[in-house]
């Protein structure tokens, strides 16, 4: 099913995000929340499972990087719907800054996680093969990288929560179609 199109100058612009953008958005949302919760609770698991939990956390982080790359390519190819008509220029600027922040954090959080693992001298076991650490182990720097990874993770979750709250604000208070543009079509 194609999205309803809106004319913008001479170029047609979608009124809503397409199925690929929606699938990538929601897959990443679930993946980010899952990785965050694993990171928060790794110490709650029995010691025998700690390595497995960390491996799953790393694999989800790598998968999120791949999904982010796909999302950026998809966005370049299909573009994004224009903001809802009659919206506030200030809200549009805030939304743009928020989205830029989300994309930046979705990139740097897993990179900081990789730096943490590699600085500890560990590789990433993907089952069929292992990605060895390309850098020399440095435990002190690894601890700093872990702190950066954790702080950035909390920033990502905080900004994502603000993003969700803004979507609800658009839906409940402004009663525009902003939130519906990313929801699954019926």
C-alpha atoms as a PDB file:
ATOM      1  CA  UNK A   1       0.000   0.000   0.000  1.00  0.00           C
ATOM      2  CA  UNK A   2       1.424   3.390  -0.906  1.00  0.00           C
ATOM      3  CA  UNK A   3       1.225   6.383   1.342  1.00  0.00           C
ATOM      4  CA  UNK A   4      -0.950   9.331   0.395  1.00  0.00           C
ATOM      5  CA  UNK A   5       1.232  11.902  -1.341  1.00  0.00           C
ATOM      6  CA  UNK A   6       1.218  15.662  -0.923  1.00  0.00           C
ATOM      7  CA  UNK A   7       2.517  18.095  -3.524  1.00  0.00           C
ATOM      8  CA  UNK A   8       5.397  20.249  -2.330  1.00  0.00           C
ATOM      9  CA  UNK A   9       6.429  22.605  -5.105  1.00  0.00           C
ATOM     10  CA  UNK A  10       7.036  20.266  -8.024  1.00  0.00           C
ATOM     11  CA  UNK A  11       8.055  17.293  -5.887  1.00  0.00           C
ATOM     12  CA  UNK A  12       5.657  14.850  -4.295  1.00  0.00           C
ATOM     13  CA  UNK A  13       6.216  14.296  -0.607  1.00  0.00           C
ATOM     14  CA  UNK A  14       4.769  11.414   1.423  1.00  0.00           C
ATOM     15  CA  UNK A  15       2.229  12.304   4.101  1.00  0.00           C
ATOM     16  CA  UNK A  16       3.467   9.482   6.306  1.00  0.00           C
ATOM     17  CA  UNK A  17       6.558   7.353   6.686  1.00  0.00           C
ATOM     18  CA  UNK A  18       6.638   4.249   4.515  1.00  0.00           C
ATOM     19  CA  UNK A  19       6.627   0.679   5.796  1.00  0.00           C
ATOM     20  CA  UNK A  20      10.440   0.374   5.668  1.00  0.00           C
ATOM     21  CA  UNK A  21      10.966   3.536   7.721  1.00  0.00           C
ATOM     22  CA  UNK A  22       8.327   2.415  10.206  1.00  0.00           C
ATOM     23  CA  UNK A  23       9.819  -1.060  10.554  1.00  0.00           C
ATOM     24  CA  UNK A  24      13.302   0.357  11.074  1.00  0.00           C
ATOM     25  CA  UNK A  25      12.036   2.958  13.575  1.00  0.00           C
ATOM     26  CA  UNK A  26      10.174   0.435  15.735  1.00  0.00           C
ATOM     27  CA  UNK A  27      12.862  -2.259  15.447  1.00  0.00           C
ATOM     28  CA  UNK A  28      15.437   0.227  16.653  1.00  0.00           C
ATOM     29  CA  UNK A  29      13.183   1.470  19.451  1.00  0.00           C
ATOM     30  CA  UNK A  30      12.720  -2.076  20.765  1.00  0.00           C
ATOM     31  CA  UNK A  31      16.416  -2.913  20.252  1.00  0.00           C
ATOM     32  CA  UNK A  32      17.615   0.215  22.056  1.00  0.00           C
ATOM     33  CA  UNK A  33      15.302  -0.431  25.002  1.00  0.00           C
ATOM     34  CA  UNK A  34      16.350  -4.104  25.134  1.00  0.00           C
ATOM     35  CA  UNK A  35      20.079  -3.256  25.008  1.00  0.00           C
ATOM     36  CA  UNK A  36      19.625  -0.575  27.663  1.00  0.00           C
ATOM     37  CA  UNK A  37      17.761  -2.930  29.993  1.00  0.00           C
ATOM     38  CA  UNK A  38      20.397  -5.643  29.498  1.00  0.00           C
ATOM     39  CA  UNK A  39      23.125  -3.141  30.311  1.00  0.00           C
ATOM     40  CA  UNK A  40      21.290  -2.023  33.441  1.00  0.00           C
ATOM     41  CA  UNK A  41      20.607  -5.539  34.707  1.00  0.00           C
ATOM     42  CA  UNK A  42      23.774  -7.419  33.743  1.00  0.00           C
ATOM     43  CA  UNK A  43      24.841  -7.536  37.412  1.00  0.00           C
ATOM     44  CA  UNK A  44      21.473  -9.024  38.426  1.00  0.00           C
ATOM     45  CA  UNK A  45      22.129 -12.190  36.408  1.00  0.00           C
ATOM     46  CA  UNK A  46      24.014 -15.085  38.009  1.00  0.00           C
ATOM     47  CA  UNK A  47      27.773 -14.749  37.457  1.00  0.00           C
ATOM     48  CA  UNK A  48      27.746 -17.795  35.166  1.00  0.00           C
ATOM     49  CA  UNK A  49      25.492 -15.905  32.695  1.00  0.00           C
ATOM     50  CA  UNK A  50      27.294 -12.557  32.792  1.00  0.00           C
ATOM     51  CA  UNK A  51      29.444 -13.235  29.714  1.00  0.00           C
ATOM     52  CA  UNK A  52      26.400 -14.401  27.725  1.00  0.00           C
ATOM     53  CA  UNK A  53      24.396 -11.321  28.709  1.00  0.00           C
ATOM     54  CA  UNK A  54      27.286  -9.049  27.710  1.00  0.00           C
ATOM     55  CA  UNK A  55      27.640 -10.912  24.372  1.00  0.00           C
ATOM     56  CA  UNK A  56      23.910 -10.504  23.650  1.00  0.00           C
ATOM     57  CA  UNK A  57      24.165  -6.813  24.600  1.00  0.00           C
ATOM     58  CA  UNK A  58      27.079  -6.376  22.163  1.00  0.00           C
ATOM     59  CA  UNK A  59      25.349  -8.244  19.329  1.00  0.00           C
ATOM     60  CA  UNK A  60      22.208  -6.127  19.775  1.00  0.00           C
ATOM     61  CA  UNK A  61      24.415  -3.008  19.714  1.00  0.00           C
ATOM     62  CA  UNK A  62      26.023  -4.137  16.460  1.00  0.00           C
ATOM     63  CA  UNK A  63      22.613  -4.939  14.997  1.00  0.00           C
ATOM     64  CA  UNK A  64      21.475  -1.442  15.947  1.00  0.00           C
ATOM     65  CA  UNK A  65      24.434   0.030  14.057  1.00  0.00           C
ATOM     66  CA  UNK A  66      23.435  -1.971  10.971  1.00  0.00           C
ATOM     67  CA  UNK A  67      19.794  -0.881  11.335  1.00  0.00           C
ATOM     68  CA  UNK A  68      20.937   2.736  11.712  1.00  0.00           C
ATOM     69  CA  UNK A  69      22.921   2.496   8.475  1.00  0.00           C
ATOM     70  CA  UNK A  70      19.863   1.034   6.714  1.00  0.00           C
ATOM     71  CA  UNK A  71      17.692   3.736   8.217  1.00  0.00           C
ATOM     72  CA  UNK A  72      19.970   6.505   6.994  1.00  0.00           C
ATOM     73  CA  UNK A  73      20.097   5.021   3.489  1.00  0.00           C
ATOM     74  CA  UNK A  74      16.310   4.639   3.483  1.00  0.00           C
ATOM     75  CA  UNK A  75      15.903   8.242   4.646  1.00  0.00           C
ATOM     76  CA  UNK A  76      18.213   9.499   1.892  1.00  0.00           C
ATOM     77  CA  UNK A  77      16.281   7.562  -0.746  1.00  0.00           C
ATOM     78  CA  UNK A  78      12.696   8.201   0.369  1.00  0.00           C
ATOM     79  CA  UNK A  79      12.999  11.397   2.393  1.00  0.00           C
ATOM     80  CA  UNK A  80      10.656  12.278   5.220  1.00  0.00           C
ATOM     81  CA  UNK A  81       7.181  13.750   5.300  1.00  0.00           C
ATOM     82  CA  UNK A  82       6.940  17.495   5.669  1.00  0.00           C
ATOM     83  CA  UNK A  83       5.851  18.729   9.100  1.00  0.00           C
ATOM     84  CA  UNK A  84       2.116  18.980   9.632  1.00  0.00           C
ATOM     85  CA  UNK A  85       0.637  22.186   8.228  1.00  0.00           C
ATOM     86  CA  UNK A  86       0.072  25.008  10.688  1.00  0.00           C
ATOM     87  CA  UNK A  87       2.772  23.867  13.092  1.00  0.00           C
ATOM     88  CA  UNK A  88       4.949  26.178  15.110  1.00  0.00           C
ATOM     89  CA  UNK A  89       8.347  27.071  13.583  1.00  0.00           C
ATOM     90  CA  UNK A  90       9.865  26.750  17.067  1.00  0.00           C
ATOM     91  CA  UNK A  91       8.472  23.226  17.490  1.00  0.00           C
ATOM     92  CA  UNK A  92       9.797  22.327  14.025  1.00  0.00           C
ATOM     93  CA  UNK A  93      13.288  23.539  14.991  1.00  0.00           C
ATOM     94  CA  UNK A  94      13.131  21.646  18.293  1.00  0.00           C
ATOM     95  CA  UNK A  95      11.974  18.499  16.481  1.00  0.00           C
ATOM     96  CA  UNK A  96      14.835  18.817  13.999  1.00  0.00           C
ATOM     97  CA  UNK A  97      17.376  19.240  16.789  1.00  0.00           C
ATOM     98  CA  UNK A  98      15.850  16.330  18.700  1.00  0.00           C
ATOM     99  CA  UNK A  99      15.988  14.020  15.690  1.00  0.00           C
ATOM    100  CA  UNK A 100      19.581  15.032  14.976  1.00  0.00           C
ATOM    101  CA  UNK A 101      20.439  14.302  18.608  1.00  0.00           C
ATOM    102  CA  UNK A 102      18.746  10.911  18.444  1.00  0.00           C
ATOM    103  CA  UNK A 103      20.617   9.936  15.285  1.00  0.00           C
ATOM    104  CA  UNK A 104      23.923  11.123  16.766  1.00  0.00           C
ATOM    105  CA  UNK A 105      23.377   9.183  19.984  1.00  0.00           C
ATOM    106  CA  UNK A 106      22.229   6.070  18.099  1.00  0.00           C
ATOM    107  CA  UNK A 107      25.633   6.189  16.390  1.00  0.00           C
ATOM    108  CA  UNK A 108      27.957   7.112  19.257  1.00  0.00           C
ATOM    109  CA  UNK A 109      26.452   4.888  21.977  1.00  0.00           C
ATOM    110  CA  UNK A 110      27.354   1.609  20.218  1.00  0.00           C
ATOM    111  CA  UNK A 111      30.705   3.042  19.101  1.00  0.00           C
ATOM    112  CA  UNK A 112      31.515   3.884  22.725  1.00  0.00           C
ATOM    113  CA  UNK A 113      30.427   0.352  23.651  1.00  0.00           C
ATOM    114  CA  UNK A 114      32.775  -1.107  21.043  1.00  0.00           C
ATOM    115  CA  UNK A 115      35.581   1.089  22.348  1.00  0.00           C
ATOM    116  CA  UNK A 116      34.893  -0.218  25.856  1.00  0.00           C
ATOM    117  CA  UNK A 117      35.086  -3.854  24.762  1.00  0.00           C
ATOM    118  CA  UNK A 118      38.146  -3.383  22.582  1.00  0.00           C
ATOM    119  CA  UNK A 119      40.004  -1.351  25.217  1.00  0.00           C
ATOM    120  CA  UNK A 120      39.441  -4.238  27.612  1.00  0.00           C
ATOM    121  CA  UNK A 121      41.219  -6.472  25.106  1.00  0.00           C
ATOM    122  CA  UNK A 122      38.069  -8.422  24.268  1.00  0.00           C
ATOM    123  CA  UNK A 123      36.658  -9.288  20.896  1.00  0.00           C
ATOM    124  CA  UNK A 124      33.088  -9.875  19.827  1.00  0.00           C
ATOM    125  CA  UNK A 125      32.034 -13.480  19.330  1.00  0.00           C
ATOM    126  CA  UNK A 126      29.389 -13.641  16.601  1.00  0.00           C
ATOM    127  CA  UNK A 127      29.130 -17.421  16.640  1.00  0.00           C
ATOM    128  CA  UNK A 128      30.457 -18.110  13.144  1.00  0.00           C
ATOM    129  CA  UNK A 129      33.419 -15.779  13.615  1.00  0.00           C
ATOM    130  CA  UNK A 130      34.955 -13.415  16.121  1.00  0.00           C
ATOM    131  CA  UNK A 131      35.843  -9.773  15.644  1.00  0.00           C
ATOM    132  CA  UNK A 132      39.148  -9.397  17.458  1.00  0.00           C
ATOM    133  CA  UNK A 133      40.074  -6.187  19.213  1.00  0.00           C
ATOM    134  CA  UNK A 134      41.905  -3.968  16.716  1.00  0.00           C
ATOM    135  CA  UNK A 135      43.575  -1.995  19.500  1.00  0.00           C
ATOM    136  CA  UNK A 136      45.848  -2.758  22.415  1.00  0.00           C
ATOM    137  CA  UNK A 137      44.144  -3.330  25.757  1.00  0.00           C
ATOM    138  CA  UNK A 138      44.157  -0.393  28.152  1.00  0.00           C
ATOM    139  CA  UNK A 139      42.080  -1.130  31.248  1.00  0.00           C
ATOM    140  CA  UNK A 140      42.148   2.446  32.594  1.00  0.00           C
ATOM    141  CA  UNK A 141      40.967   3.879  29.295  1.00  0.00           C
ATOM    142  CA  UNK A 142      38.448   1.034  29.054  1.00  0.00           C
ATOM    143  CA  UNK A 143      36.899   2.101  32.366  1.00  0.00           C
ATOM    144  CA  UNK A 144      36.596   5.670  31.085  1.00  0.00           C
ATOM    145  CA  UNK A 145      35.058   4.446  27.828  1.00  0.00           C
ATOM    146  CA  UNK A 146      32.544   2.392  29.836  1.00  0.00           C
ATOM    147  CA  UNK A 147      31.509   5.480  31.799  1.00  0.00           C
ATOM    148  CA  UNK A 148      31.093   7.457  28.569  1.00  0.00           C
ATOM    149  CA  UNK A 149      29.068   4.593  27.059  1.00  0.00           C
ATOM    150  CA  UNK A 150      26.803   4.503  30.114  1.00  0.00           C
ATOM    151  CA  UNK A 151      26.285   8.283  30.228  1.00  0.00           C
ATOM    152  CA  UNK A 152      25.525   8.412  26.512  1.00  0.00           C
ATOM    153  CA  UNK A 153      23.113   5.475  26.930  1.00  0.00           C
ATOM    154  CA  UNK A 154      21.168   7.377  29.577  1.00  0.00           C
ATOM    155  CA  UNK A 155      21.179  10.460  27.323  1.00  0.00           C
ATOM    156  CA  UNK A 156      19.792   8.359  24.455  1.00  0.00           C
ATOM    157  CA  UNK A 157      17.029   6.893  26.615  1.00  0.00           C
ATOM    158  CA  UNK A 158      16.212  10.350  28.000  1.00  0.00           C
ATOM    159  CA  UNK A 159      16.021  11.904  24.551  1.00  0.00           C
ATOM    160  CA  UNK A 160      13.978   8.949  23.264  1.00  0.00           C
ATOM    161  CA  UNK A 161      11.549   9.433  26.167  1.00  0.00           C
ATOM    162  CA  UNK A 162      11.290  13.134  25.302  1.00  0.00           C
ATOM    163  CA  UNK A 163      10.705  12.136  21.655  1.00  0.00           C
ATOM    164  CA  UNK A 164       7.871   9.800  22.705  1.00  0.00           C
ATOM    165  CA  UNK A 165       6.392  12.483  24.973  1.00  0.00           C
ATOM    166  CA  UNK A 166       6.474  14.964  22.077  1.00  0.00           C
ATOM    167  CA  UNK A 167       4.654  12.460  19.857  1.00  0.00           C
ATOM    168  CA  UNK A 168       1.970  12.017  22.526  1.00  0.00           C
ATOM    169  CA  UNK A 169       1.755  15.830  22.931  1.00  0.00           C
ATOM    170  CA  UNK A 170       1.145  16.160  19.184  1.00  0.00           C
ATOM    171  CA  UNK A 171      -1.511  13.453  19.308  1.00  0.00           C
ATOM    172  CA  UNK A 172      -3.360  14.453  22.490  1.00  0.00           C
ATOM    173  CA  UNK A 173      -2.881  18.220  22.782  1.00  0.00           C
ATOM    174  CA  UNK A 174      -2.282  19.495  19.250  1.00  0.00           C
ATOM    175  CA  UNK A 175      -4.434  16.746  17.698  1.00  0.00           C
ATOM    176  CA  UNK A 176      -2.429  16.724  14.493  1.00  0.00           C
ATOM    177  CA  UNK A 177      -1.325  13.703  12.483  1.00  0.00           C
ATOM    178  CA  UNK A 178       2.328  13.716  13.551  1.00  0.00           C
ATOM    179  CA  UNK A 179       2.177  10.561  15.656  1.00  0.00           C
ATOM    180  CA  UNK A 180       0.018   8.628  13.200  1.00  0.00           C
ATOM    181  CA  UNK A 181       2.656   9.085  10.483  1.00  0.00           C
ATOM    182  CA  UNK A 182       4.961   6.582  12.245  1.00  0.00           C
ATOM    183  CA  UNK A 183       2.292   4.187  13.496  1.00  0.00           C
ATOM    184  CA  UNK A 184       1.526   0.960  11.609  1.00  0.00           C
ATOM    185  CA  UNK A 185      -1.146   1.401   8.973  1.00  0.00           C
ATOM    186  CA  UNK A 186      -4.445  -0.404   9.450  1.00  0.00           C
END
